[in-house]
Every structure is written in structure tokens, then in C-alpha cells.
Amino acid sequence: RESYEILPIALELRNIWKARFPCHVNTNIYISSSTSDAFPLHQDPHHVFVLQLFGKKRWLFSDIQDDETIKNSPRIISEMVSESGDIIFIPKGVPNEARAIETSVHVSISVEEK
């Protein structure tokens, strides 16, 4: 199912972005607990805006752009914790990883230039 079918705010956010910016917009909802596996360090092929709705997540960032190095010997250069109400912007291609500190819900808005 599409994220906007589950959480109406995702549809509203997607529609606002599509109306204001000439770009492709997609929304995803991530629900996780502190006992679940994190998304491993990865690079997104689009810009990402993260809206933390509930709980806390630890975000790790790297400056390494090589996929093989990211998998085998990542170098974390920055980290932060997002809490309810926070918004994070992750530019296209920046290696990142999210780990739930506690039960957590965030909406991810991906933006691709046309």
C-alpha cells in the first residue's frame, strides 16, 4: 500500500510539495523499534526530507561516496538524534543510516529534480 493510504498527512505533504516545486515527490513512512535492524549506511539517489513524527532516531552520516567502502569500512563523520517535530534534510548522495533509539515513526519525502 502507498504511505498516503495509511497516514493521510503523507498525502497532504506530497500534494503540497508537488504543487509548489517542479519535481517528482514520493513519501514513505518508517515505523521502527529500538530492537529492529537499522537501514544500513546507504546513499539515496534523491534529496530526502525527514519529518520525525514520534519517538527518537539516531542518524549517522559519512563522507565516503564509494559503495564498496561504505559496506566494508564506513567512516562516520557526523551523527544526530531526531525527536518528534524535527525535520532533517539529507542531500542526494550523502551516505546515511538511521537507528531507532525507541519506538519511532518518521515520514520521508524524497524529491527528484525533473
PDB file of N, CA and C in Angstrom:
ATOM      1  N   ARG A   1       0.836  -1.189   0.000  1.00  0.00           N
ATOM      2  CA  ARG A   1       0.000   0.000   0.000  1.00  0.00           C
ATOM      3  C   ARG A   1       0.871   1.239   0.000  1.00  0.00           C
ATOM      4  N   GLU A   2       0.350   2.290  -0.555  1.00  0.00           N
ATOM      5  CA  GLU A   2       1.051   3.575  -0.564  1.00  0.00           C
ATOM      6  C   GLU A   2       1.010   4.184   0.828  1.00  0.00           C
ATOM      7  N   SER A   3       2.064   4.947   1.175  1.00  0.00           N
ATOM      8  CA  SER A   3       2.122   5.536   2.512  1.00  0.00           C
ATOM      9  C   SER A   3       0.958   6.482   2.770  1.00  0.00           C
ATOM     10  N   TYR A   4       0.492   7.174   1.735  1.00  0.00           N
ATOM     11  CA  TYR A   4      -0.592   8.135   1.945  1.00  0.00           C
ATOM     12  C   TYR A   4      -1.940   7.457   2.182  1.00  0.00           C
ATOM     13  N   GLU A   5      -2.025   6.146   1.904  1.00  0.00           N
ATOM     14  CA  GLU A   5      -3.237   5.410   2.233  1.00  0.00           C
ATOM     15  C   GLU A   5      -3.281   5.071   3.725  1.00  0.00           C
ATOM     16  N   ILE A   6      -2.116   4.985   4.334  1.00  0.00           N
ATOM     17  CA  ILE A   6      -2.022   4.624   5.740  1.00  0.00           C
ATOM     18  C   ILE A   6      -2.075   5.862   6.634  1.00  0.00           C
ATOM     19  N   LEU A   7      -1.373   6.899   6.241  1.00  0.00           N
ATOM     20  CA  LEU A   7      -1.288   8.098   7.053  1.00  0.00           C
ATOM     21  C   LEU A   7      -1.622   9.310   6.183  1.00  0.00           C
ATOM     22  N   PRO A   8      -2.814   9.885   6.355  1.00  0.00           N
ATOM     23  CA  PRO A   8      -3.250  10.989   5.490  1.00  0.00           C
ATOM     24  C   PRO A   8      -2.285  12.172   5.426  1.00  0.00           C
ATOM     25  N   ILE A   9      -1.511  12.391   6.497  1.00  0.00           N
ATOM     26  CA  ILE A   9      -0.562  13.508   6.457  1.00  0.00           C
ATOM     27  C   ILE A   9       0.463  13.331   5.331  1.00  0.00           C
ATOM     28  N   ALA A  10       0.807  12.087   5.012  1.00  0.00           N
ATOM     29  CA  ALA A  10       1.766  11.832   3.938  1.00  0.00           C
ATOM     30  C   ALA A  10       1.215  12.311   2.598  1.00  0.00           C
ATOM     31  N   LEU A  11      -0.059  12.080   2.343  1.00  0.00           N
ATOM     32  CA  LEU A  11      -0.682  12.548   1.103  1.00  0.00           C
ATOM     33  C   LEU A  11      -0.717  14.074   1.063  1.00  0.00           C
ATOM     34  N   GLU A  12      -1.080  14.672   2.187  1.00  0.00           N
ATOM     35  CA  GLU A  12      -1.144  16.136   2.237  1.00  0.00           C
ATOM     36  C   GLU A  12       0.234  16.744   1.983  1.00  0.00           C
ATOM     37  N   LEU A  13       1.266  16.201   2.605  1.00  0.00           N
ATOM     38  CA  LEU A  13       2.631  16.701   2.395  1.00  0.00           C
ATOM     39  C   LEU A  13       3.062  16.525   0.945  1.00  0.00           C
ATOM     40  N   ARG A  14       2.782  15.370   0.400  1.00  0.00           N
ATOM     41  CA  ARG A  14       3.142  15.097  -1.001  1.00  0.00           C
ATOM     42  C   ARG A  14       2.459  16.090  -1.937  1.00  0.00           C
ATOM     43  N   ASN A  15       1.180  16.344  -1.715  1.00  0.00           N
ATOM     44  CA  ASN A  15       0.436  17.273  -2.577  1.00  0.00           C
ATOM     45  C   ASN A  15       0.939  18.703  -2.452  1.00  0.00           C
ATOM     46  N   ILE A  16       1.293  19.125  -1.235  1.00  0.00           N
ATOM     47  CA  ILE A  16       1.838  20.476  -1.040  1.00  0.00           C
ATOM     48  C   ILE A  16       3.152  20.623  -1.796  1.00  0.00           C
ATOM     49  N   TRP A  17       4.044  19.643  -1.669  1.00  0.00           N
ATOM     50  CA  TRP A  17       5.338  19.703  -2.344  1.00  0.00           C
ATOM     51  C   TRP A  17       5.170  19.701  -3.862  1.00  0.00           C
ATOM     52  N   LYS A  18       4.290  18.835  -4.356  1.00  0.00           N
ATOM     53  CA  LYS A  18       4.091  18.752  -5.809  1.00  0.00           C
ATOM     54  C   LYS A  18       3.523  20.050  -6.371  1.00  0.00           C
ATOM     55  N   ALA A  19       2.663  20.730  -5.596  1.00  0.00           N
ATOM     56  CA  ALA A  19       2.058  21.981  -6.057  1.00  0.00           C
ATOM     57  C   ALA A  19       3.063  23.133  -6.058  1.00  0.00           C
ATOM     58  N   ARG A  20       4.041  23.085  -5.181  1.00  0.00           N
ATOM     59  CA  ARG A  20       4.965  24.213  -5.022  1.00  0.00           C
ATOM     60  C   ARG A  20       6.276  24.075  -5.770  1.00  0.00           C
ATOM     61  N   PHE A  21       6.708  22.857  -6.004  1.00  0.00           N
ATOM     62  CA  PHE A  21       8.020  22.650  -6.598  1.00  0.00           C
ATOM     63  C   PHE A  21       7.920  21.800  -7.859  1.00  0.00           C
ATOM     64  N   PRO A  22       8.665  22.161  -8.901  1.00  0.00           N
ATOM     65  CA  PRO A  22       8.653  21.384 -10.152  1.00  0.00           C
ATOM     66  C   PRO A  22       9.572  20.161 -10.025  1.00  0.00           C
ATOM     67  N   CYS A  23       9.096  19.155  -9.303  1.00  0.00           N
ATOM     68  CA  CYS A  23       9.915  17.971  -9.092  1.00  0.00           C
ATOM     69  C   CYS A  23       9.031  16.745  -8.857  1.00  0.00           C
ATOM     70  N   HIS A  24       9.675  15.586  -8.915  1.00  0.00           N
ATOM     71  CA  HIS A  24       8.986  14.340  -8.578  1.00  0.00           C
ATOM     72  C   HIS A  24       9.061  14.181  -7.062  1.00  0.00           C
ATOM     73  N   VAL A  25       7.946  13.842  -6.438  1.00  0.00           N
ATOM     74  CA  VAL A  25       7.884  13.724  -4.986  1.00  0.00           C
ATOM     75  C   VAL A  25       7.306  12.357  -4.613  1.00  0.00           C
ATOM     76  N   ASN A  26       7.924  11.722  -3.625  1.00  0.00           N
ATOM     77  CA  ASN A  26       7.421  10.451  -3.124  1.00  0.00           C
ATOM     78  C   ASN A  26       7.475  10.487  -1.601  1.00  0.00           C
ATOM     79  N   THR A  27       6.549   9.817  -0.944  1.00  0.00           N
ATOM     80  CA  THR A  27       6.566   9.742   0.517  1.00  0.00           C
ATOM     81  C   THR A  27       6.605   8.294   0.969  1.00  0.00           C
ATOM     82  N   ASN A  28       7.337   8.057   2.038  1.00  0.00           N
ATOM     83  CA  ASN A  28       7.399   6.747   2.683  1.00  0.00           C
ATOM     84  C   ASN A  28       7.258   6.962   4.177  1.00  0.00           C
ATOM     85  N   ILE A  29       6.700   5.989   4.856  1.00  0.00           N
ATOM     86  CA  ILE A  29       6.581   6.027   6.305  1.00  0.00           C
ATOM     87  C   ILE A  29       7.427   4.893   6.865  1.00  0.00           C
ATOM     88  N   TYR A  30       8.234   5.223   7.876  1.00  0.00           N
ATOM     89  CA  TYR A  30       9.076   4.220   8.520  1.00  0.00           C
ATOM     90  C   TYR A  30       8.684   4.121   9.990  1.00  0.00           C
ATOM     91  N   ILE A  31       8.267   2.933  10.393  1.00  0.00           N
ATOM     92  CA  ILE A  31       7.899   2.652  11.778  1.00  0.00           C
ATOM     93  C   ILE A  31       8.897   1.614  12.271  1.00  0.00           C
ATOM     94  N   SER A  32       9.583   1.930  13.359  1.00  0.00           N
ATOM     95  CA  SER A  32      10.601   1.000  13.840  1.00  0.00           C
ATOM     96  C   SER A  32      10.705   1.045  15.359  1.00  0.00           C
ATOM     97  N   SER A  33      11.281  -0.012  15.900  1.00  0.00           N
ATOM     98  CA  SER A  33      11.517  -0.083  17.338  1.00  0.00           C
ATOM     99  C   SER A  33      13.010  -0.151  17.578  1.00  0.00           C
ATOM    100  N   SER A  34      13.411   0.037  18.811  1.00  0.00           N
ATOM    101  CA  SER A  34      14.839   0.021  19.124  1.00  0.00           C
ATOM    102  C   SER A  34      15.449  -1.367  18.937  1.00  0.00           C
ATOM    103  N   THR A  35      14.623  -2.390  18.862  1.00  0.00           N
ATOM    104  CA  THR A  35      15.131  -3.753  18.677  1.00  0.00           C
ATOM    105  C   THR A  35      15.194  -4.160  17.205  1.00  0.00           C
ATOM    106  N   SER A  36      14.696  -3.305  16.313  1.00  0.00           N
ATOM    107  CA  SER A  36      14.717  -3.663  14.887  1.00  0.00           C
ATOM    108  C   SER A  36      16.047  -3.253  14.264  1.00  0.00           C
ATOM    109  N   ASP A  37      16.401  -3.926  13.179  1.00  0.00           N
ATOM    110  CA  ASP A  37      17.625  -3.591  12.461  1.00  0.00           C
ATOM    111  C   ASP A  37      17.479  -2.236  11.790  1.00  0.00           C
ATOM    112  N   ALA A  38      18.577  -1.525  11.756  1.00  0.00           N
ATOM    113  CA  ALA A  38      18.606  -0.212  11.105  1.00  0.00           C
ATOM    114  C   ALA A  38      18.761  -0.393   9.603  1.00  0.00           C
ATOM    115  N   PHE A  39      18.384   0.657   8.879  1.00  0.00           N
ATOM    116  CA  PHE A  39      18.746   0.716   7.474  1.00  0.00           C
ATOM    117  C   PHE A  39      20.261   0.868   7.462  1.00  0.00           C
ATOM    118  N   PRO A  40      21.008  -0.020   6.817  1.00  0.00           N
ATOM    119  CA  PRO A  40      22.464   0.138   6.829  1.00  0.00           C
ATOM    120  C   PRO A  40      22.874   1.420   6.100  1.00  0.00           C
ATOM    121  N   LEU A  41      24.098   1.831   6.337  1.00  0.00           N
ATOM    122  CA  LEU A  41      24.619   3.031   5.684  1.00  0.00           C
ATOM    123  C   LEU A  41      24.402   2.906   4.178  1.00  0.00           C
ATOM    124  N   HIS A  42      23.778   3.911   3.597  1.00  0.00           N
ATOM    125  CA  HIS A  42      23.429   3.870   2.171  1.00  0.00           C
ATOM    126  C   HIS A  42      23.387   5.289   1.612  1.00  0.00           C
ATOM    127  N   GLN A  43      23.317   5.390   0.304  1.00  0.00           N
ATOM    128  CA  GLN A  43      23.171   6.672  -0.388  1.00  0.00           C
ATOM    129  C   GLN A  43      21.833   6.675  -1.112  1.00  0.00           C
ATOM    130  N   ASP A  44      21.108   7.771  -1.007  1.00  0.00           N
ATOM    131  CA  ASP A  44      19.853   7.904  -1.727  1.00  0.00           C
ATOM    132  C   ASP A  44      20.110   8.654  -3.039  1.00  0.00           C
ATOM    133  N   PRO A  45      19.433   8.246  -4.126  1.00  0.00           N
ATOM    134  CA  PRO A  45      19.627   8.907  -5.422  1.00  0.00           C
ATOM    135  C   PRO A  45      18.775  10.173  -5.576  1.00  0.00           C
ATOM    136  N   HIS A  46      18.261  10.681  -4.459  1.00  0.00           N
ATOM    137  CA  HIS A  46      17.405  11.865  -4.466  1.00  0.00           C
ATOM    138  C   HIS A  46      17.585  12.594  -3.129  1.00  0.00           C
ATOM    139  N   HIS A  47      17.153  13.836  -3.065  1.00  0.00           N
ATOM    140  CA  HIS A  47      17.165  14.580  -1.806  1.00  0.00           C
ATOM    141  C   HIS A  47      16.072  13.999  -0.910  1.00  0.00           C
ATOM    142  N   VAL A  48      16.306  14.023   0.410  1.00  0.00           N
ATOM    143  CA  VAL A  48      15.331  13.477   1.352  1.00  0.00           C
ATOM    144  C   VAL A  48      15.080  14.477   2.482  1.00  0.00           C
ATOM    145  N   PHE A  49      13.816  14.715   2.745  1.00  0.00           N
ATOM    146  CA  PHE A  49      13.399  15.474   3.916  1.00  0.00           C
ATOM    147  C   PHE A  49      12.765  14.470   4.869  1.00  0.00           C
ATOM    148  N   VAL A  50      13.240  14.440   6.103  1.00  0.00           N
ATOM    149  CA  VAL A  50      12.739  13.520   7.117  1.00  0.00           C
ATOM    150  C   VAL A  50      11.920  14.315   8.128  1.00  0.00           C
ATOM    151  N   LEU A  51      10.685  13.894   8.356  1.00  0.00           N
ATOM    152  CA  LEU A  51       9.832  14.518   9.367  1.00  0.00           C
ATOM    153  C   LEU A  51       9.622  13.497  10.468  1.00  0.00           C
ATOM    154  N   GLN A  52      10.236  13.732  11.615  1.00  0.00           N
ATOM    155  CA  GLN A  52      10.125  12.814  12.741  1.00  0.00           C
ATOM    156  C   GLN A  52       8.800  13.073  13.443  1.00  0.00           C
ATOM    157  N   LEU A  53       7.891  12.098  13.392  1.00  0.00           N
ATOM    158  CA  LEU A  53       6.559  12.265  13.962  1.00  0.00           C
ATOM    159  C   LEU A  53       6.454  11.779  15.401  1.00  0.00           C
ATOM    160  N   PHE A  54       7.210  10.729  15.717  1.00  0.00           N
ATOM    161  CA  PHE A  54       7.074  10.101  17.031  1.00  0.00           C
ATOM    162  C   PHE A  54       8.389   9.427  17.398  1.00  0.00           C
ATOM    163  N   GLY A  55       8.786   9.491  18.650  1.00  0.00           N
ATOM    164  CA  GLY A  55       9.975   8.783  19.110  1.00  0.00           C
ATOM    165  C   GLY A  55      11.266   9.464  18.708  1.00  0.00           C
ATOM    166  N   LYS A  56      12.356   8.684  18.802  1.00  0.00           N
ATOM    167  CA  LYS A  56      13.696   9.206  18.514  1.00  0.00           C
ATOM    168  C   LYS A  56      14.465   8.241  17.615  1.00  0.00           C
ATOM    169  N   LYS A  57      15.288   8.825  16.734  1.00  0.00           N
ATOM    170  CA  LYS A  57      16.179   8.036  15.879  1.00  0.00           C
ATOM    171  C   LYS A  57      17.556   8.669  15.919  1.00  0.00           C
ATOM    172  N   ARG A  58      18.577   7.826  15.872  1.00  0.00           N
ATOM    173  CA  ARG A  58      19.957   8.301  15.740  1.00  0.00           C
ATOM    174  C   ARG A  58      20.330   8.216  14.262  1.00  0.00           C
ATOM    175  N   TRP A  59      20.831   9.306  13.720  1.00  0.00           N
ATOM    176  CA  TRP A  59      21.236   9.378  12.323  1.00  0.00           C
ATOM    177  C   TRP A  59      22.754   9.465  12.247  1.00  0.00           C
ATOM    178  N   LEU A  60      23.345   8.630  11.417  1.00  0.00           N
ATOM    179  CA  LEU A  60      24.789   8.627  11.199  1.00  0.00           C
ATOM    180  C   LEU A  60      25.048   9.058   9.764  1.00  0.00           C
ATOM    181  N   PHE A  61      26.096   9.864   9.571  1.00  0.00           N
ATOM    182  CA  PHE A  61      26.430  10.364   8.241  1.00  0.00           C
ATOM    183  C   PHE A  61      27.904  10.114   7.957  1.00  0.00           C
ATOM    184  N   SER A  62      28.199   9.844   6.690  1.00  0.00           N
ATOM    185  CA  SER A  62      29.568   9.595   6.245  1.00  0.00           C
ATOM    186  C   SER A  62      29.881  10.504   5.066  1.00  0.00           C
ATOM    187  N   ASP A  63      31.173  10.707   4.808  1.00  0.00           N
ATOM    188  CA  ASP A  63      31.561  11.492   3.635  1.00  0.00           C
ATOM    189  C   ASP A  63      32.104  10.601   2.524  1.00  0.00           C
ATOM    190  N   ILE A  64      32.049   9.296   2.735  1.00  0.00           N
ATOM    191  CA  ILE A  64      32.568   8.352   1.738  1.00  0.00           C
ATOM    192  C   ILE A  64      31.511   8.129   0.658  1.00  0.00           C
ATOM    193  N   GLN A  65      31.904   8.234  -0.580  1.00  0.00           N
ATOM    194  CA  GLN A  65      30.963   8.095  -1.691  1.00  0.00           C
ATOM    195  C   GLN A  65      31.040   6.742  -2.399  1.00  0.00           C
ATOM    196  N   ASP A  66      32.068   5.959  -2.118  1.00  0.00           N
ATOM    197  CA  ASP A  66      32.288   4.674  -2.779  1.00  0.00           C
ATOM    198  C   ASP A  66      31.451   3.580  -2.103  1.00  0.00           C
ATOM    199  N   ASP A  67      30.559   2.942  -2.862  1.00  0.00           N
ATOM    200  CA  ASP A  67      29.666   1.912  -2.303  1.00  0.00           C
ATOM    201  C   ASP A  67      30.415   0.796  -1.588  1.00  0.00           C
ATOM    202  N   GLU A  68      31.522   0.339  -2.154  1.00  0.00           N
ATOM    203  CA  GLU A  68      32.273  -0.769  -1.556  1.00  0.00           C
ATOM    204  C   GLU A  68      32.860  -0.356  -0.200  1.00  0.00           C
ATOM    205  N   THR A  69      33.396   0.856  -0.117  1.00  0.00           N
ATOM    206  CA  THR A  69      33.964   1.345   1.144  1.00  0.00           C
ATOM    207  C   THR A  69      32.868   1.537   2.180  1.00  0.00           C
ATOM    208  N   ILE A  70      31.703   2.024   1.754  1.00  0.00           N
ATOM    209  CA  ILE A  70      30.582   2.201   2.674  1.00  0.00           C
ATOM    210  C   ILE A  70      30.223   0.872   3.325  1.00  0.00           C
ATOM    211  N   LYS A  71      30.202  -0.211   2.536  1.00  0.00           N
ATOM    212  CA  LYS A  71      29.822  -1.523   3.062  1.00  0.00           C
ATOM    213  C   LYS A  71      30.897  -2.110   3.972  1.00  0.00           C
ATOM    214  N   ASN A  72      32.171  -1.950   3.608  1.00  0.00           N
ATOM    215  CA  ASN A  72      33.247  -2.648   4.310  1.00  0.00           C
ATOM    216  C   ASN A  72      33.920  -1.868   5.433  1.00  0.00           C
ATOM    217  N   SER A  73      34.084  -0.576   5.272  1.00  0.00           N
ATOM    218  CA  SER A  73      34.762   0.201   6.327  1.00  0.00           C
ATOM    219  C   SER A  73      34.235   1.632   6.345  1.00  0.00           C
ATOM    220  N   PRO A  74      32.996   1.782   6.789  1.00  0.00           N
ATOM    221  CA  PRO A  74      32.410   3.125   6.800  1.00  0.00           C
ATOM    222  C   PRO A  74      33.113   4.043   7.793  1.00  0.00           C
ATOM    223  N   ARG A  75      33.163   5.319   7.462  1.00  0.00           N
ATOM    224  CA  ARG A  75      33.735   6.329   8.352  1.00  0.00           C
ATOM    225  C   ARG A  75      32.612   7.304   8.687  1.00  0.00           C
ATOM    226  N   ILE A  76      32.199   7.297   9.925  1.00  0.00           N
ATOM    227  CA  ILE A  76      31.133   8.185  10.369  1.00  0.00           C
ATOM    228  C   ILE A  76      31.741   9.538  10.714  1.00  0.00           C
ATOM    229  N   ILE A  77      31.242  10.596  10.080  1.00  0.00           N
ATOM    230  CA  ILE A  77      31.792  11.931  10.349  1.00  0.00           C
ATOM    231  C   ILE A  77      30.850  12.797  11.173  1.00  0.00           C
ATOM    232  N   SER A  78      29.585  12.378  11.249  1.00  0.00           N
ATOM    233  CA  SER A  78      28.619  13.184  11.977  1.00  0.00           C
ATOM    234  C   SER A  78      27.465  12.296  12.414  1.00  0.00           C
ATOM    235  N   GLU A  79      26.866  12.666  13.532  1.00  0.00           N
ATOM    236  CA  GLU A  79      25.655  11.968  13.955  1.00  0.00           C
ATOM    237  C   GLU A  79      24.758  12.944  14.685  1.00  0.00           C
ATOM    238  N   MET A  80      23.467  12.622  14.695  1.00  0.00           N
ATOM    239  CA  MET A  80      22.493  13.457  15.378  1.00  0.00           C
ATOM    240  C   MET A  80      21.314  12.601  15.803  1.00  0.00           C
ATOM    241  N   VAL A  81      20.506  13.133  16.701  1.00  0.00           N
ATOM    242  CA  VAL A  81      19.297  12.450  17.142  1.00  0.00           C
ATOM    243  C   VAL A  81      18.103  13.300  16.726  1.00  0.00           C
ATOM    244  N   SER A  82      17.146  12.673  16.050  1.00  0.00           N
ATOM    245  CA  SER A  82      15.910  13.379  15.700  1.00  0.00           C
ATOM    246  C   SER A  82      14.831  12.984  16.706  1.00  0.00           C
ATOM    247  N   GLU A  83      14.033  13.978  17.095  1.00  0.00           N
ATOM    248  CA  GLU A  83      12.937  13.783  18.034  1.00  0.00           C
ATOM    249  C   GLU A  83      11.651  14.278  17.396  1.00  0.00           C
ATOM    250  N   SER A  84      10.526  13.948  18.006  1.00  0.00           N
ATOM    251  CA  SER A  84       9.222  14.362  17.478  1.00  0.00           C
ATOM    252  C   SER A  84       9.228  15.845  17.120  1.00  0.00           C
ATOM    253  N   GLY A  85       8.806  16.152  15.893  1.00  0.00           N
ATOM    254  CA  GLY A  85       8.737  17.534  15.429  1.00  0.00           C
ATOM    255  C   GLY A  85       9.952  17.995  14.653  1.00  0.00           C
ATOM    256  N   ASP A  86      11.043  17.229  14.675  1.00  0.00           N
ATOM    257  CA  ASP A  86      12.252  17.624  13.957  1.00  0.00           C
ATOM    258  C   ASP A  86      12.116  17.351  12.461  1.00  0.00           C
ATOM    259  N   ILE A  87      12.817  18.167  11.678  1.00  0.00           N
ATOM    260  CA  ILE A  87      12.909  17.976  10.227  1.00  0.00           C
ATOM    261  C   ILE A  87      14.387  17.930   9.874  1.00  0.00           C
ATOM    262  N   ILE A  88      14.768  16.940   9.087  1.00  0.00           N
ATOM    263  CA  ILE A  88      16.154  16.782   8.648  1.00  0.00           C
ATOM    264  C   ILE A  88      16.178  16.813   7.133  1.00  0.00           C
ATOM    265  N   PHE A  89      17.154  17.503   6.557  1.00  0.00           N
ATOM    266  CA  PHE A  89      17.375  17.481   5.113  1.00  0.00           C
ATOM    267  C   PHE A  89      18.639  16.680   4.843  1.00  0.00           C
ATOM    268  N   ILE A  90      18.524  15.656   3.998  1.00  0.00           N
ATOM    269  CA  ILE A  90      19.675  14.841   3.601  1.00  0.00           C
ATOM    270  C   ILE A  90      19.857  15.010   2.093  1.00  0.00           C
ATOM    271  N   PRO A  91      20.909  15.713   1.687  1.00  0.00           N
ATOM    272  CA  PRO A  91      21.138  15.912   0.252  1.00  0.00           C
ATOM    273  C   PRO A  91      21.386  14.593  -0.479  1.00  0.00           C
ATOM    274  N   LYS A  92      21.021  14.583  -1.724  1.00  0.00           N
ATOM    275  CA  LYS A  92      21.230  13.437  -2.608  1.00  0.00           C
ATOM    276  C   LYS A  92      22.686  12.969  -2.516  1.00  0.00           C
ATOM    277  N   GLY A  93      22.850  11.653  -2.326  1.00  0.00           N
ATOM    278  CA  GLY A  93      24.183  11.067  -2.347  1.00  0.00           C
ATOM    279  C   GLY A  93      24.927  11.063  -1.022  1.00  0.00           C
ATOM    280  N   VAL A  94      24.410  11.710   0.011  1.00  0.00           N
ATOM    281  CA  VAL A  94      25.104  11.717   1.302  1.00  0.00           C
ATOM    282  C   VAL A  94      24.836  10.381   2.015  1.00  0.00           C
ATOM    283  N   PRO A  95      25.883   9.612   2.297  1.00  0.00           N
ATOM    284  CA  PRO A  95      25.688   8.341   2.983  1.00  0.00           C
ATOM    285  C   PRO A  95      25.082   8.562   4.369  1.00  0.00           C
ATOM    286  N   ASN A  96      24.023   7.801   4.685  1.00  0.00           N
ATOM    287  CA  ASN A  96      23.333   7.970   5.957  1.00  0.00           C
ATOM    288  C   ASN A  96      22.774   6.640   6.448  1.00  0.00           C
ATOM    289  N   GLU A  97      22.558   6.592   7.759  1.00  0.00           N
ATOM    290  CA  GLU A  97      21.976   5.418   8.388  1.00  0.00           C
ATOM    291  C   GLU A  97      21.085   5.903   9.523  1.00  0.00           C
ATOM    292  N   ALA A  98      19.929   5.266   9.694  1.00  0.00           N
ATOM    293  CA  ALA A  98      19.010   5.622  10.776  1.00  0.00           C
ATOM    294  C   ALA A  98      18.838   4.433  11.705  1.00  0.00           C
ATOM    295  N   ARG A  99      18.930   4.688  13.009  1.00  0.00           N
ATOM    296  CA  ARG A  99      18.734   3.648  14.020  1.00  0.00           C
ATOM    297  C   ARG A  99      17.728   4.158  15.050  1.00  0.00           C
ATOM    298  N   ALA A 100      16.672   3.406  15.272  1.00  0.00           N
ATOM    299  CA  ALA A 100      15.682   3.816  16.268  1.00  0.00           C
ATOM    300  C   ALA A 100      16.275   3.685  17.662  1.00  0.00           C
ATOM    301  N   ILE A 101      16.088   4.721  18.460  1.00  0.00           N
ATOM    302  CA  ILE A 101      16.505   4.698  19.861  1.00  0.00           C
ATOM    303  C   ILE A 101      15.362   4.130  20.698  1.00  0.00           C
ATOM    304  N   GLU A 102      14.152   4.405  20.259  1.00  0.00           N
ATOM    305  CA  GLU A 102      12.926   3.911  20.878  1.00  0.00           C
ATOM    306  C   GLU A 102      11.910   3.752  19.755  1.00  0.00           C
ATOM    307  N   THR A 103      10.727   3.279  20.056  1.00  0.00           N
ATOM    308  CA  THR A 103       9.716   3.163  19.008  1.00  0.00           C
ATOM    309  C   THR A 103       9.618   4.510  18.293  1.00  0.00           C
ATOM    310  N   SER A 104       9.645   4.457  16.972  1.00  0.00           N
ATOM    311  CA  SER A 104       9.816   5.678  16.194  1.00  0.00           C
ATOM    312  C   SER A 104       9.009   5.627  14.903  1.00  0.00           C
ATOM    313  N   VAL A 105       8.481   6.788  14.516  1.00  0.00           N
ATOM    314  CA  VAL A 105       7.770   6.930  13.243  1.00  0.00           C
ATOM    315  C   VAL A 105       8.289   8.190  12.562  1.00  0.00           C
ATOM    316  N   HIS A 106       8.704   8.047  11.295  1.00  0.00           N
ATOM    317  CA  HIS A 106       9.050   9.237  10.522  1.00  0.00           C
ATOM    318  C   HIS A 106       8.531   9.106   9.097  1.00  0.00           C
ATOM    319  N   VAL A 107       8.240  10.270   8.516  1.00  0.00           N
ATOM    320  CA  VAL A 107       7.845  10.338   7.115  1.00  0.00           C
ATOM    321  C   VAL A 107       9.048  10.826   6.343  1.00  0.00           C
ATOM    322  N   SER A 108       9.356  10.134   5.271  1.00  0.00           N
ATOM    323  CA  SER A 108      10.451  10.505   4.401  1.00  0.00           C
ATOM    324  C   SER A 108       9.859  11.046   3.108  1.00  0.00           C
ATOM    325  N   ILE A 109      10.249  12.263   2.751  1.00  0.00           N
ATOM    326  CA  ILE A 109       9.778  12.870   1.487  1.00  0.00           C
ATOM    327  C   ILE A 109      10.988  12.926   0.557  1.00  0.00           C
ATOM    328  N   SER A 110      10.949  12.137  -0.501  1.00  0.00           N
ATOM    329  CA  SER A 110      12.044  12.148  -1.469  1.00  0.00           C
ATOM    330  C   SER A 110      11.688  13.079  -2.610  1.00  0.00           C
ATOM    331  N   VAL A 111      12.679  13.858  -3.015  1.00  0.00           N
ATOM    332  CA  VAL A 111      12.483  14.883  -4.035  1.00  0.00           C
ATOM    333  C   VAL A 111      13.513  14.688  -5.139  1.00  0.00           C
ATOM    334  N   GLU A 112      13.016  14.482  -6.361  1.00  0.00           N
ATOM    335  CA  GLU A 112      13.903  14.336  -7.509  1.00  0.00           C
ATOM    336  C   GLU A 112      13.617  15.454  -8.493  1.00  0.00           C
ATOM    337  N   GLU A 113      14.690  16.110  -8.924  1.00  0.00           N
ATOM    338  CA  GLU A 113      14.529  17.184  -9.887  1.00  0.00           C
ATOM    339  C   GLU A 113      14.085  16.614 -11.218  1.00  0.00           C
ATOM    340  N   LYS A 114      13.223  17.361 -11.915  1.00  0.00           N
ATOM    341  CA  LYS A 114      12.735  16.908 -13.223  1.00  0.00           C
ATOM    342  C   LYS A 114      13.757  17.195 -14.279  1.00  0.00           C
TER     343      LYS A 114
END
